[in-house]
Amino acid sequence: GDNDSLVSDDLQFLLEDRAGTLWVGTNDAGLDELCAGCTRFVHHRHDAANPDSIGADVVFHILQAHDGAYWLATRGAGLDRYDPATRRFEHFPAQAQNHTSLSHNSATYLFEDSRGELWIATQGGGLNHLIPGSETTPRFEAIGSHEGLAADAIGAIVEDSTHAFWLSTTVGISRFDPASKAVLNFGLNEGVLGQGYY
């Protein structure tokens, strides 16, 4: 294959950032980057010998936060933060003995709410919230089925006009109020058309 072209045709997500750079998350080959006006992709692959490389080669979602930070949801390595100036990836995996780490290493979706706070959907660890003020050394709060969510596998997050979140899960839809922590679930009995929205 051509080393300057897209590294894989098995794509997970596309993001065009505020500078016009195209970011391509793949299902098998990491992250590709194409700057505005460029004709060659830069490839970011996981390299076990390089701790500054991307944490995993499956990138489900990419978010450029309001502060310019790039966050990546990966399968197998949790959450990564990328600094284009240093070209380094920082890794924030789940750690079994650390209750303020990410709750699961399969992060599926990233969402920045109207207050500028980061939320991470996972495939088995529920919803994670980056605790505000802990961005330098991230700490997370997990909200899952024990707190009332319909399921711990979440596919997407949207915020409504009341600032509540709607979460698609493997068994229906959950409405989560981040202020009160109240949860309301919608499944087949509430008229949801299908069992899962993952």
N, C-alpha and C. Protein backbone atom coordinates (compact mmCIF):
# COMPACT_ATOMS: atom_id res chain seq x y z
N GLY A 1 0.81 -1.19 0.00
CA GLY A 1 0.00 0.00 0.00
C GLY A 1 0.85 1.25 0.00
N ASP A 2 0.20 2.36 -0.24
CA ASP A 2 0.83 3.67 -0.27
C ASP A 2 0.93 4.22 1.15
N ASN A 3 2.15 4.44 1.64
CA ASN A 3 2.35 4.92 3.01
C ASN A 3 1.82 6.32 3.24
N ASP A 4 1.56 7.08 2.18
CA ASP A 4 1.07 8.45 2.33
C ASP A 4 -0.45 8.55 2.31
N SER A 5 -1.13 7.44 1.97
CA SER A 5 -2.59 7.46 1.88
C SER A 5 -3.20 6.96 3.19
N LEU A 6 -4.51 6.93 3.23
CA LEU A 6 -5.23 6.40 4.37
C LEU A 6 -4.75 4.98 4.64
N VAL A 7 -4.46 4.67 5.90
CA VAL A 7 -3.82 3.40 6.23
C VAL A 7 -4.80 2.22 6.24
N SER A 8 -6.10 2.51 6.39
CA SER A 8 -7.09 1.44 6.47
C SER A 8 -8.40 1.92 5.86
N ASP A 9 -9.19 0.97 5.37
CA ASP A 9 -10.53 1.32 4.89
C ASP A 9 -11.61 0.90 5.89
N ASP A 10 -11.19 0.44 7.07
CA ASP A 10 -12.11 0.05 8.13
C ASP A 10 -12.18 1.20 9.14
N LEU A 11 -13.05 2.17 8.84
CA LEU A 11 -13.09 3.43 9.59
C LEU A 11 -14.14 3.38 10.69
N GLN A 12 -13.84 4.05 11.80
CA GLN A 12 -14.76 4.18 12.92
C GLN A 12 -15.35 5.58 13.00
N PHE A 13 -14.52 6.61 12.78
CA PHE A 13 -14.97 7.97 13.03
C PHE A 13 -14.13 8.97 12.26
N LEU A 14 -14.75 10.08 11.86
CA LEU A 14 -14.06 11.18 11.19
C LEU A 14 -14.29 12.46 11.98
N LEU A 15 -13.26 13.28 12.09
CA LEU A 15 -13.39 14.60 12.71
C LEU A 15 -12.60 15.59 11.88
N GLU A 16 -13.23 16.70 11.53
CA GLU A 16 -12.50 17.83 10.98
C GLU A 16 -12.39 18.84 12.11
N ASP A 17 -11.17 19.14 12.53
CA ASP A 17 -10.99 20.03 13.68
C ASP A 17 -11.10 21.50 13.27
N ARG A 18 -10.93 22.39 14.23
CA ARG A 18 -11.11 23.82 13.98
C ARG A 18 -10.09 24.39 13.01
N ALA A 19 -8.94 23.72 12.84
CA ALA A 19 -7.91 24.18 11.88
C ALA A 19 -8.08 23.54 10.51
N GLY A 20 -9.08 22.67 10.36
CA GLY A 20 -9.31 22.02 9.08
C GLY A 20 -8.57 20.70 8.91
N THR A 21 -7.90 20.23 9.96
CA THR A 21 -7.23 18.93 9.90
C THR A 21 -8.27 17.81 10.00
N LEU A 22 -8.12 16.81 9.16
CA LEU A 22 -9.00 15.64 9.17
C LEU A 22 -8.35 14.55 10.02
N TRP A 23 -9.10 14.05 10.99
CA TRP A 23 -8.66 12.96 11.86
C TRP A 23 -9.53 11.75 11.56
N VAL A 24 -8.90 10.60 11.35
CA VAL A 24 -9.62 9.38 10.98
C VAL A 24 -9.29 8.29 11.99
N GLY A 25 -10.29 7.89 12.77
CA GLY A 25 -10.13 6.78 13.68
C GLY A 25 -10.47 5.49 12.96
N THR A 26 -9.60 4.50 13.08
CA THR A 26 -9.81 3.24 12.37
C THR A 26 -10.11 2.10 13.34
N ASN A 27 -10.60 1.02 12.77
CA ASN A 27 -10.93 -0.16 13.56
C ASN A 27 -9.76 -1.13 13.69
N ASP A 28 -8.63 -0.82 13.03
CA ASP A 28 -7.53 -1.77 13.04
C ASP A 28 -6.15 -1.16 12.84
N ALA A 29 -6.08 0.16 12.64
CA ALA A 29 -4.78 0.75 12.29
C ALA A 29 -4.53 2.10 12.94
N GLY A 30 -5.13 2.35 14.10
CA GLY A 30 -4.85 3.57 14.84
C GLY A 30 -5.55 4.79 14.29
N LEU A 31 -4.82 5.88 14.25
CA LEU A 31 -5.35 7.20 13.90
C LEU A 31 -4.57 7.77 12.73
N ASP A 32 -5.30 8.29 11.76
CA ASP A 32 -4.67 8.98 10.63
C ASP A 32 -5.00 10.46 10.71
N GLU A 33 -4.05 11.29 10.26
CA GLU A 33 -4.17 12.75 10.34
C GLU A 33 -3.79 13.34 8.98
N LEU A 34 -4.66 14.22 8.47
CA LEU A 34 -4.41 14.91 7.20
C LEU A 34 -4.65 16.39 7.43
N CYS A 35 -3.56 17.17 7.46
CA CYS A 35 -3.70 18.60 7.73
C CYS A 35 -4.37 19.28 6.53
N ALA A 36 -5.00 20.41 6.79
CA ALA A 36 -5.65 21.18 5.73
C ALA A 36 -4.62 21.56 4.68
N GLY A 37 -4.88 21.26 3.43
CA GLY A 37 -3.95 21.57 2.34
C GLY A 37 -2.87 20.55 2.11
N CYS A 38 -2.78 19.55 2.99
CA CYS A 38 -1.76 18.50 2.84
C CYS A 38 -2.27 17.41 1.89
N THR A 39 -1.34 16.66 1.35
CA THR A 39 -1.69 15.56 0.45
C THR A 39 -1.25 14.20 0.99
N ARG A 40 -0.63 14.20 2.17
CA ARG A 40 -0.15 12.95 2.76
C ARG A 40 -0.66 12.81 4.19
N PHE A 41 -1.14 11.62 4.48
CA PHE A 41 -1.59 11.31 5.83
C PHE A 41 -0.40 11.04 6.74
N VAL A 42 -0.53 11.44 7.99
CA VAL A 42 0.40 11.04 9.05
C VAL A 42 -0.31 9.92 9.81
N HIS A 43 0.40 8.83 10.03
CA HIS A 43 -0.18 7.66 10.69
C HIS A 43 0.28 7.61 12.14
N HIS A 44 -0.65 7.36 13.03
CA HIS A 44 -0.36 7.17 14.46
C HIS A 44 -0.79 5.76 14.81
N ARG A 45 0.19 4.87 15.00
CA ARG A 45 -0.06 3.48 15.32
C ARG A 45 0.45 3.18 16.72
N HIS A 46 -0.17 2.19 17.34
CA HIS A 46 0.31 1.74 18.64
C HIS A 46 1.66 1.05 18.47
N ASP A 47 2.59 1.40 19.34
CA ASP A 47 3.91 0.78 19.35
C ASP A 47 4.23 0.46 20.81
N ALA A 48 4.19 -0.81 21.17
CA ALA A 48 4.41 -1.23 22.56
C ALA A 48 5.75 -0.76 23.11
N ALA A 49 6.74 -0.52 22.25
CA ALA A 49 8.06 -0.07 22.69
C ALA A 49 8.11 1.45 22.89
N ASN A 50 7.06 2.16 22.50
CA ASN A 50 7.05 3.62 22.60
C ASN A 50 5.86 4.07 23.46
N PRO A 51 6.11 4.45 24.72
CA PRO A 51 5.00 4.85 25.60
C PRO A 51 4.29 6.13 25.15
N ASP A 52 4.89 6.89 24.25
CA ASP A 52 4.27 8.11 23.73
C ASP A 52 3.38 7.86 22.52
N SER A 53 3.33 6.60 22.04
CA SER A 53 2.50 6.28 20.88
C SER A 53 1.04 6.15 21.33
N ILE A 54 0.14 6.10 20.37
CA ILE A 54 -1.28 5.92 20.66
C ILE A 54 -1.48 4.63 21.46
N GLY A 55 -2.45 4.62 22.36
CA GLY A 55 -2.62 3.49 23.26
C GLY A 55 -3.14 2.22 22.62
N ALA A 56 -3.90 2.35 21.52
CA ALA A 56 -4.47 1.17 20.85
C ALA A 56 -4.73 1.52 19.39
N ASP A 57 -4.84 0.50 18.58
CA ASP A 57 -5.08 0.70 17.15
C ASP A 57 -6.56 0.72 16.77
N VAL A 58 -7.44 0.58 17.76
CA VAL A 58 -8.88 0.75 17.51
C VAL A 58 -9.30 2.06 18.15
N VAL A 59 -9.68 3.02 17.31
CA VAL A 59 -10.08 4.35 17.79
C VAL A 59 -11.55 4.54 17.43
N PHE A 60 -12.42 4.47 18.46
CA PHE A 60 -13.86 4.58 18.24
C PHE A 60 -14.32 6.01 18.01
N HIS A 61 -13.69 6.97 18.71
CA HIS A 61 -14.20 8.33 18.66
C HIS A 61 -13.07 9.31 18.97
N ILE A 62 -13.19 10.52 18.42
CA ILE A 62 -12.20 11.59 18.61
C ILE A 62 -12.97 12.86 18.93
N LEU A 63 -12.46 13.63 19.88
CA LEU A 63 -13.10 14.90 20.25
C LEU A 63 -12.02 15.96 20.43
N GLN A 64 -12.24 17.12 19.82
CA GLN A 64 -11.40 18.28 20.13
C GLN A 64 -12.19 19.11 21.13
N ALA A 65 -11.69 19.20 22.35
CA ALA A 65 -12.38 19.91 23.42
C ALA A 65 -12.27 21.42 23.24
N HIS A 66 -13.05 22.14 24.04
CA HIS A 66 -13.06 23.61 23.93
C HIS A 66 -11.68 24.22 24.17
N ASP A 67 -10.84 23.54 24.96
CA ASP A 67 -9.49 24.04 25.24
C ASP A 67 -8.47 23.61 24.18
N GLY A 68 -8.95 22.92 23.13
CA GLY A 68 -8.07 22.49 22.05
C GLY A 68 -7.51 21.10 22.22
N ALA A 69 -7.68 20.49 23.40
CA ALA A 69 -7.16 19.15 23.64
C ALA A 69 -7.87 18.13 22.76
N TYR A 70 -7.13 17.12 22.30
CA TYR A 70 -7.69 16.03 21.53
C TYR A 70 -7.81 14.81 22.43
N TRP A 71 -9.03 14.30 22.54
CA TRP A 71 -9.30 13.10 23.33
C TRP A 71 -9.70 11.98 22.38
N LEU A 72 -9.22 10.77 22.66
CA LEU A 72 -9.52 9.61 21.83
C LEU A 72 -10.10 8.49 22.68
N ALA A 73 -11.22 7.94 22.22
CA ALA A 73 -11.82 6.76 22.85
C ALA A 73 -11.29 5.54 22.12
N THR A 74 -10.62 4.66 22.85
CA THR A 74 -10.01 3.48 22.22
C THR A 74 -10.59 2.19 22.79
N ARG A 75 -10.46 1.13 22.03
CA ARG A 75 -10.80 -0.20 22.54
C ARG A 75 -9.52 -0.85 23.02
N GLY A 76 -9.50 -1.15 24.29
CA GLY A 76 -8.37 -1.87 24.87
C GLY A 76 -7.43 -1.01 25.68
N ALA A 77 -7.42 0.31 25.45
CA ALA A 77 -6.50 1.18 26.18
C ALA A 77 -7.22 2.34 26.87
N GLY A 78 -8.54 2.34 26.82
CA GLY A 78 -9.30 3.39 27.49
C GLY A 78 -9.25 4.71 26.76
N LEU A 79 -8.83 5.74 27.46
CA LEU A 79 -8.85 7.11 26.96
C LEU A 79 -7.43 7.60 26.73
N ASP A 80 -7.22 8.25 25.59
CA ASP A 80 -5.94 8.90 25.28
C ASP A 80 -6.16 10.39 25.10
N ARG A 81 -5.14 11.17 25.45
CA ARG A 81 -5.12 12.60 25.14
C ARG A 81 -3.89 12.85 24.27
N TYR A 82 -4.11 13.55 23.16
CA TYR A 82 -3.03 13.79 22.20
C TYR A 82 -2.66 15.25 22.19
N ASP A 83 -1.35 15.51 22.22
CA ASP A 83 -0.83 16.88 22.13
C ASP A 83 -0.11 17.01 20.79
N PRO A 84 -0.71 17.73 19.81
CA PRO A 84 -0.07 17.84 18.50
C PRO A 84 1.27 18.59 18.53
N ALA A 85 1.46 19.46 19.53
CA ALA A 85 2.72 20.21 19.60
C ALA A 85 3.89 19.29 19.92
N THR A 86 3.67 18.33 20.83
CA THR A 86 4.74 17.40 21.21
C THR A 86 4.63 16.07 20.47
N ARG A 87 3.47 15.84 19.82
CA ARG A 87 3.17 14.60 19.11
C ARG A 87 3.20 13.40 20.06
N ARG A 88 2.77 13.65 21.30
CA ARG A 88 2.74 12.60 22.33
C ARG A 88 1.31 12.27 22.71
N PHE A 89 1.08 11.01 22.98
CA PHE A 89 -0.19 10.53 23.50
C PHE A 89 -0.03 10.23 24.99
N GLU A 90 -0.95 10.71 25.80
CA GLU A 90 -1.00 10.34 27.22
C GLU A 90 -2.11 9.32 27.36
N HIS A 91 -1.94 8.36 28.25
CA HIS A 91 -2.89 7.26 28.39
C HIS A 91 -3.56 7.28 29.75
N PHE A 92 -4.87 7.06 29.73
CA PHE A 92 -5.65 7.03 30.96
C PHE A 92 -6.51 5.76 30.96
N PRO A 93 -5.88 4.62 31.26
CA PRO A 93 -6.60 3.35 31.23
C PRO A 93 -7.37 3.10 32.53
N ALA A 94 -8.24 2.11 32.46
CA ALA A 94 -8.88 1.61 33.68
C ALA A 94 -7.83 0.92 34.53
N GLN A 95 -7.92 1.13 35.83
CA GLN A 95 -7.01 0.48 36.79
C GLN A 95 -7.86 -0.11 37.90
N ALA A 96 -7.85 -1.41 38.02
CA ALA A 96 -8.75 -2.11 38.94
C ALA A 96 -8.67 -1.60 40.38
N GLN A 97 -7.49 -1.24 40.84
CA GLN A 97 -7.33 -0.82 42.23
C GLN A 97 -7.51 0.68 42.44
N ASN A 98 -7.85 1.41 41.37
CA ASN A 98 -7.98 2.87 41.47
C ASN A 98 -9.41 3.26 41.09
N HIS A 99 -10.24 3.59 42.08
CA HIS A 99 -11.64 3.89 41.82
C HIS A 99 -11.86 5.25 41.13
N THR A 100 -10.81 6.06 40.99
CA THR A 100 -10.96 7.32 40.24
C THR A 100 -10.34 7.24 38.85
N SER A 101 -9.94 6.02 38.44
CA SER A 101 -9.48 5.84 37.06
C SER A 101 -10.70 5.61 36.18
N LEU A 102 -10.49 5.58 34.88
CA LEU A 102 -11.55 5.23 33.95
C LEU A 102 -12.09 3.86 34.35
N SER A 103 -13.40 3.64 34.18
CA SER A 103 -14.01 2.40 34.69
C SER A 103 -13.89 1.22 33.73
N HIS A 104 -13.50 1.45 32.48
CA HIS A 104 -13.42 0.36 31.51
C HIS A 104 -12.47 0.75 30.39
N ASN A 105 -11.72 -0.21 29.86
CA ASN A 105 -10.73 0.09 28.82
C ASN A 105 -11.28 0.12 27.40
N SER A 106 -12.58 -0.06 27.26
CA SER A 106 -13.20 0.12 25.95
C SER A 106 -14.06 1.37 26.02
N ALA A 107 -13.47 2.50 25.63
CA ALA A 107 -14.20 3.77 25.59
C ALA A 107 -14.82 3.89 24.20
N THR A 108 -16.12 4.19 24.14
CA THR A 108 -16.84 4.14 22.87
C THR A 108 -17.22 5.50 22.30
N TYR A 109 -17.43 6.49 23.17
CA TYR A 109 -17.94 7.78 22.70
C TYR A 109 -17.49 8.87 23.67
N LEU A 110 -17.18 10.04 23.13
CA LEU A 110 -16.74 11.18 23.94
C LEU A 110 -17.72 12.33 23.74
N PHE A 111 -18.00 13.04 24.82
CA PHE A 111 -18.96 14.14 24.75
C PHE A 111 -18.51 15.27 25.65
N GLU A 112 -18.51 16.49 25.11
CA GLU A 112 -18.25 17.68 25.92
C GLU A 112 -19.58 18.40 26.10
N ASP A 113 -20.00 18.57 27.35
CA ASP A 113 -21.31 19.15 27.60
C ASP A 113 -21.30 20.67 27.49
N SER A 114 -22.43 21.28 27.72
CA SER A 114 -22.57 22.73 27.56
C SER A 114 -21.75 23.51 28.58
N ARG A 115 -21.28 22.87 29.62
CA ARG A 115 -20.40 23.51 30.62
C ARG A 115 -18.93 23.30 30.29
N GLY A 116 -18.65 22.55 29.20
CA GLY A 116 -17.27 22.28 28.82
C GLY A 116 -16.67 21.10 29.55
N GLU A 117 -17.50 20.25 30.16
CA GLU A 117 -17.01 19.09 30.90
C GLU A 117 -17.03 17.85 30.01
N LEU A 118 -16.04 16.97 30.19
CA LEU A 118 -15.87 15.79 29.36
C LEU A 118 -16.55 14.58 29.98
N TRP A 119 -17.29 13.86 29.14
CA TRP A 119 -17.97 12.62 29.52
C TRP A 119 -17.52 11.53 28.56
N ILE A 120 -17.31 10.32 29.09
CA ILE A 120 -16.80 9.20 28.32
C ILE A 120 -17.76 8.03 28.45
N ALA A 121 -18.31 7.58 27.33
CA ALA A 121 -19.14 6.37 27.32
C ALA A 121 -18.21 5.17 27.17
N THR A 122 -18.56 4.09 27.84
CA THR A 122 -17.74 2.88 27.75
C THR A 122 -18.59 1.67 27.37
N GLN A 123 -17.92 0.62 26.99
CA GLN A 123 -18.57 -0.62 26.58
C GLN A 123 -18.48 -1.63 27.72
N GLY A 124 -19.06 -1.26 28.85
CA GLY A 124 -19.06 -2.17 29.99
C GLY A 124 -18.80 -1.49 31.32
N GLY A 125 -18.41 -0.23 31.31
CA GLY A 125 -18.14 0.50 32.56
C GLY A 125 -19.04 1.70 32.76
N GLY A 126 -20.13 1.79 31.97
CA GLY A 126 -21.06 2.89 32.13
C GLY A 126 -20.53 4.20 31.59
N LEU A 127 -20.98 5.27 32.21
CA LEU A 127 -20.62 6.63 31.83
C LEU A 127 -19.56 7.14 32.79
N ASN A 128 -18.51 7.76 32.26
CA ASN A 128 -17.45 8.33 33.10
C ASN A 128 -17.42 9.83 32.91
N HIS A 129 -17.20 10.54 33.99
CA HIS A 129 -17.12 12.00 33.99
C HIS A 129 -15.72 12.41 34.43
N LEU A 130 -15.04 13.19 33.60
CA LEU A 130 -13.74 13.74 34.00
C LEU A 130 -14.02 14.80 35.06
N ILE A 131 -13.55 14.57 36.25
CA ILE A 131 -13.83 15.48 37.35
C ILE A 131 -13.19 16.83 37.04
N PRO A 132 -14.01 17.90 36.99
CA PRO A 132 -13.47 19.23 36.66
C PRO A 132 -12.32 19.62 37.59
N GLY A 133 -11.29 20.20 36.99
CA GLY A 133 -10.11 20.61 37.74
C GLY A 133 -9.04 19.54 37.82
N SER A 134 -9.34 18.33 37.31
CA SER A 134 -8.36 17.25 37.39
C SER A 134 -7.75 16.95 36.03
N GLU A 135 -7.81 17.89 35.11
CA GLU A 135 -7.34 17.64 33.75
C GLU A 135 -5.85 17.31 33.68
N THR A 136 -5.03 17.88 34.56
CA THR A 136 -3.59 17.60 34.55
C THR A 136 -3.33 16.15 34.92
N THR A 137 -3.94 15.69 35.98
CA THR A 137 -3.90 14.28 36.39
C THR A 137 -5.34 13.81 36.47
N PRO A 138 -5.89 13.35 35.35
CA PRO A 138 -7.33 13.05 35.30
C PRO A 138 -7.81 12.06 36.34
N ARG A 139 -8.95 12.44 36.93
CA ARG A 139 -9.70 11.57 37.83
C ARG A 139 -11.13 11.51 37.28
N PHE A 140 -11.74 10.35 37.43
CA PHE A 140 -13.05 10.12 36.83
C PHE A 140 -14.05 9.65 37.87
N GLU A 141 -15.29 10.00 37.63
CA GLU A 141 -16.42 9.47 38.40
C GLU A 141 -17.22 8.59 37.44
N ALA A 142 -17.54 7.37 37.86
CA ALA A 142 -18.28 6.45 37.02
C ALA A 142 -19.74 6.39 37.45
N ILE A 143 -20.63 6.38 36.47
CA ILE A 143 -22.06 6.23 36.69
C ILE A 143 -22.49 5.04 35.84
N GLY A 144 -23.03 4.02 36.48
CA GLY A 144 -23.38 2.81 35.74
C GLY A 144 -24.70 2.24 36.16
N SER A 145 -24.89 0.96 35.89
CA SER A 145 -26.15 0.30 36.22
C SER A 145 -26.41 0.30 37.74
N HIS A 146 -25.36 0.30 38.55
CA HIS A 146 -25.55 0.37 40.01
C HIS A 146 -26.15 1.70 40.42
N GLU A 147 -25.94 2.73 39.61
CA GLU A 147 -26.51 4.05 39.89
C GLU A 147 -27.82 4.27 39.13
N GLY A 148 -28.29 3.21 38.44
CA GLY A 148 -29.60 3.28 37.81
C GLY A 148 -29.63 3.28 36.29
N LEU A 149 -28.47 3.41 35.62
CA LEU A 149 -28.49 3.38 34.15
C LEU A 149 -29.03 2.04 33.66
N ALA A 150 -29.66 2.04 32.49
CA ALA A 150 -30.24 0.82 31.93
C ALA A 150 -29.19 -0.26 31.70
N ALA A 151 -27.98 0.16 31.31
CA ALA A 151 -26.90 -0.80 31.03
C ALA A 151 -25.56 -0.09 31.18
N ASP A 152 -24.51 -0.88 31.24
CA ASP A 152 -23.16 -0.32 31.36
C ASP A 152 -22.46 -0.18 30.01
N ALA A 153 -23.10 -0.58 28.93
CA ALA A 153 -22.55 -0.40 27.59
C ALA A 153 -23.32 0.74 26.92
N ILE A 154 -22.61 1.83 26.65
CA ILE A 154 -23.22 3.05 26.12
C ILE A 154 -22.60 3.37 24.77
N GLY A 155 -23.46 3.67 23.79
CA GLY A 155 -22.98 3.95 22.44
C GLY A 155 -22.87 5.42 22.10
N ALA A 156 -23.73 6.27 22.67
CA ALA A 156 -23.72 7.69 22.32
C ALA A 156 -24.35 8.51 23.43
N ILE A 157 -24.08 9.82 23.40
CA ILE A 157 -24.58 10.76 24.41
C ILE A 157 -25.03 12.03 23.69
N VAL A 158 -26.20 12.54 24.04
CA VAL A 158 -26.62 13.87 23.59
C VAL A 158 -27.17 14.62 24.80
N GLU A 159 -27.11 15.95 24.73
CA GLU A 159 -27.60 16.81 25.81
C GLU A 159 -28.83 17.55 25.31
N ASP A 160 -29.88 17.60 26.14
CA ASP A 160 -31.08 18.32 25.73
C ASP A 160 -31.08 19.74 26.29
N SER A 161 -32.16 20.49 26.02
CA SER A 161 -32.22 21.90 26.41
C SER A 161 -32.29 22.10 27.93
N THR A 162 -32.60 21.04 28.68
CA THR A 162 -32.61 21.13 30.15
C THR A 162 -31.27 20.69 30.74
N HIS A 163 -30.30 20.38 29.88
CA HIS A 163 -28.95 19.92 30.24
C HIS A 163 -28.91 18.48 30.76
N ALA A 164 -30.00 17.75 30.53
CA ALA A 164 -29.99 16.31 30.82
C ALA A 164 -29.34 15.60 29.64
N PHE A 165 -28.77 14.42 29.91
CA PHE A 165 -28.13 13.62 28.88
C PHE A 165 -29.05 12.45 28.52
N TRP A 166 -29.06 12.13 27.23
CA TRP A 166 -29.74 10.95 26.73
C TRP A 166 -28.66 9.99 26.25
N LEU A 167 -28.69 8.77 26.79
CA LEU A 167 -27.65 7.78 26.54
C LEU A 167 -28.25 6.59 25.80
N SER A 168 -27.66 6.22 24.68
CA SER A 168 -28.08 4.99 24.01
C SER A 168 -27.31 3.83 24.64
N THR A 169 -28.05 2.78 24.97
CA THR A 169 -27.42 1.63 25.63
C THR A 169 -27.83 0.35 24.91
N THR A 170 -27.28 -0.74 25.35
CA THR A 170 -27.58 -2.04 24.75
C THR A 170 -28.98 -2.54 25.09
N VAL A 171 -29.65 -1.93 26.06
CA VAL A 171 -31.00 -2.39 26.43
C VAL A 171 -32.04 -1.27 26.39
N GLY A 172 -31.75 -0.18 25.75
CA GLY A 172 -32.71 0.91 25.66
C GLY A 172 -32.02 2.26 25.78
N ILE A 173 -32.77 3.23 26.28
CA ILE A 173 -32.27 4.60 26.39
C ILE A 173 -32.38 5.05 27.84
N SER A 174 -31.35 5.73 28.34
CA SER A 174 -31.37 6.29 29.68
C SER A 174 -31.30 7.81 29.59
N ARG A 175 -32.10 8.47 30.43
CA ARG A 175 -32.01 9.92 30.60
C ARG A 175 -31.31 10.15 31.93
N PHE A 176 -30.21 10.87 31.90
CA PHE A 176 -29.39 11.11 33.10
C PHE A 176 -29.28 12.60 33.33
N ASP A 177 -29.62 13.04 34.53
CA ASP A 177 -29.49 14.44 34.92
C ASP A 177 -28.18 14.59 35.69
N PRO A 178 -27.16 15.24 35.11
CA PRO A 178 -25.87 15.32 35.80
C PRO A 178 -25.91 16.16 37.07
N ALA A 179 -26.88 17.06 37.19
CA ALA A 179 -26.96 17.89 38.41
C ALA A 179 -27.51 17.09 39.58
N SER A 180 -28.60 16.36 39.37
CA SER A 180 -29.24 15.62 40.46
C SER A 180 -28.82 14.15 40.51
N LYS A 181 -28.20 13.66 39.43
CA LYS A 181 -27.82 12.25 39.25
C LYS A 181 -29.04 11.35 39.05
N ALA A 182 -30.22 11.94 38.81
CA ALA A 182 -31.43 11.15 38.59
C ALA A 182 -31.37 10.46 37.23
N VAL A 183 -31.88 9.23 37.19
CA VAL A 183 -31.88 8.42 35.97
C VAL A 183 -33.32 7.98 35.68
N LEU A 184 -33.69 8.05 34.41
CA LEU A 184 -34.96 7.54 33.94
C LEU A 184 -34.66 6.67 32.72
N ASN A 185 -35.12 5.42 32.75
CA ASN A 185 -34.82 4.48 31.67
C ASN A 185 -36.04 4.25 30.80
N PHE A 186 -35.79 4.06 29.50
CA PHE A 186 -36.83 3.80 28.53
C PHE A 186 -36.49 2.52 27.77
N GLY A 187 -37.40 1.56 27.88
CA GLY A 187 -37.23 0.29 27.18
C GLY A 187 -38.48 -0.06 26.41
N LEU A 188 -38.67 -1.32 26.12
CA LEU A 188 -39.83 -1.77 25.35
C LEU A 188 -41.15 -1.39 26.03
N ASN A 189 -41.20 -1.46 27.35
CA ASN A 189 -42.44 -1.14 28.07
C ASN A 189 -42.81 0.34 27.99
N GLU A 190 -41.84 1.19 27.68
CA GLU A 190 -42.10 2.63 27.56
C GLU A 190 -42.26 3.05 26.10
N GLY A 191 -42.36 2.09 25.19
CA GLY A 191 -42.61 2.40 23.79
C GLY A 191 -41.39 2.51 22.93
N VAL A 192 -40.21 2.23 23.46
CA VAL A 192 -39.00 2.24 22.64
C VAL A 192 -39.13 1.14 21.59
N LEU A 193 -38.78 1.43 20.36
CA LEU A 193 -39.02 0.50 19.26
C LEU A 193 -38.16 -0.75 19.29
N GLY A 194 -36.96 -0.64 19.78
CA GLY A 194 -36.05 -1.78 19.77
C GLY A 194 -35.47 -2.01 21.15
N GLN A 195 -34.86 -3.15 21.32
CA GLN A 195 -34.27 -3.49 22.61
C GLN A 195 -33.01 -2.69 22.89
N GLY A 196 -32.12 -2.59 21.91
CA GLY A 196 -30.86 -1.91 22.16
C GLY A 196 -30.57 -0.82 21.16
N TYR A 197 -29.92 0.22 21.61
CA TYR A 197 -29.56 1.36 20.76
C TYR A 197 -28.06 1.61 20.84
N TYR A 198 -27.31 0.57 20.75
CA TYR A 198 -25.86 0.67 20.87
C TYR A 198 -25.29 0.76 19.48
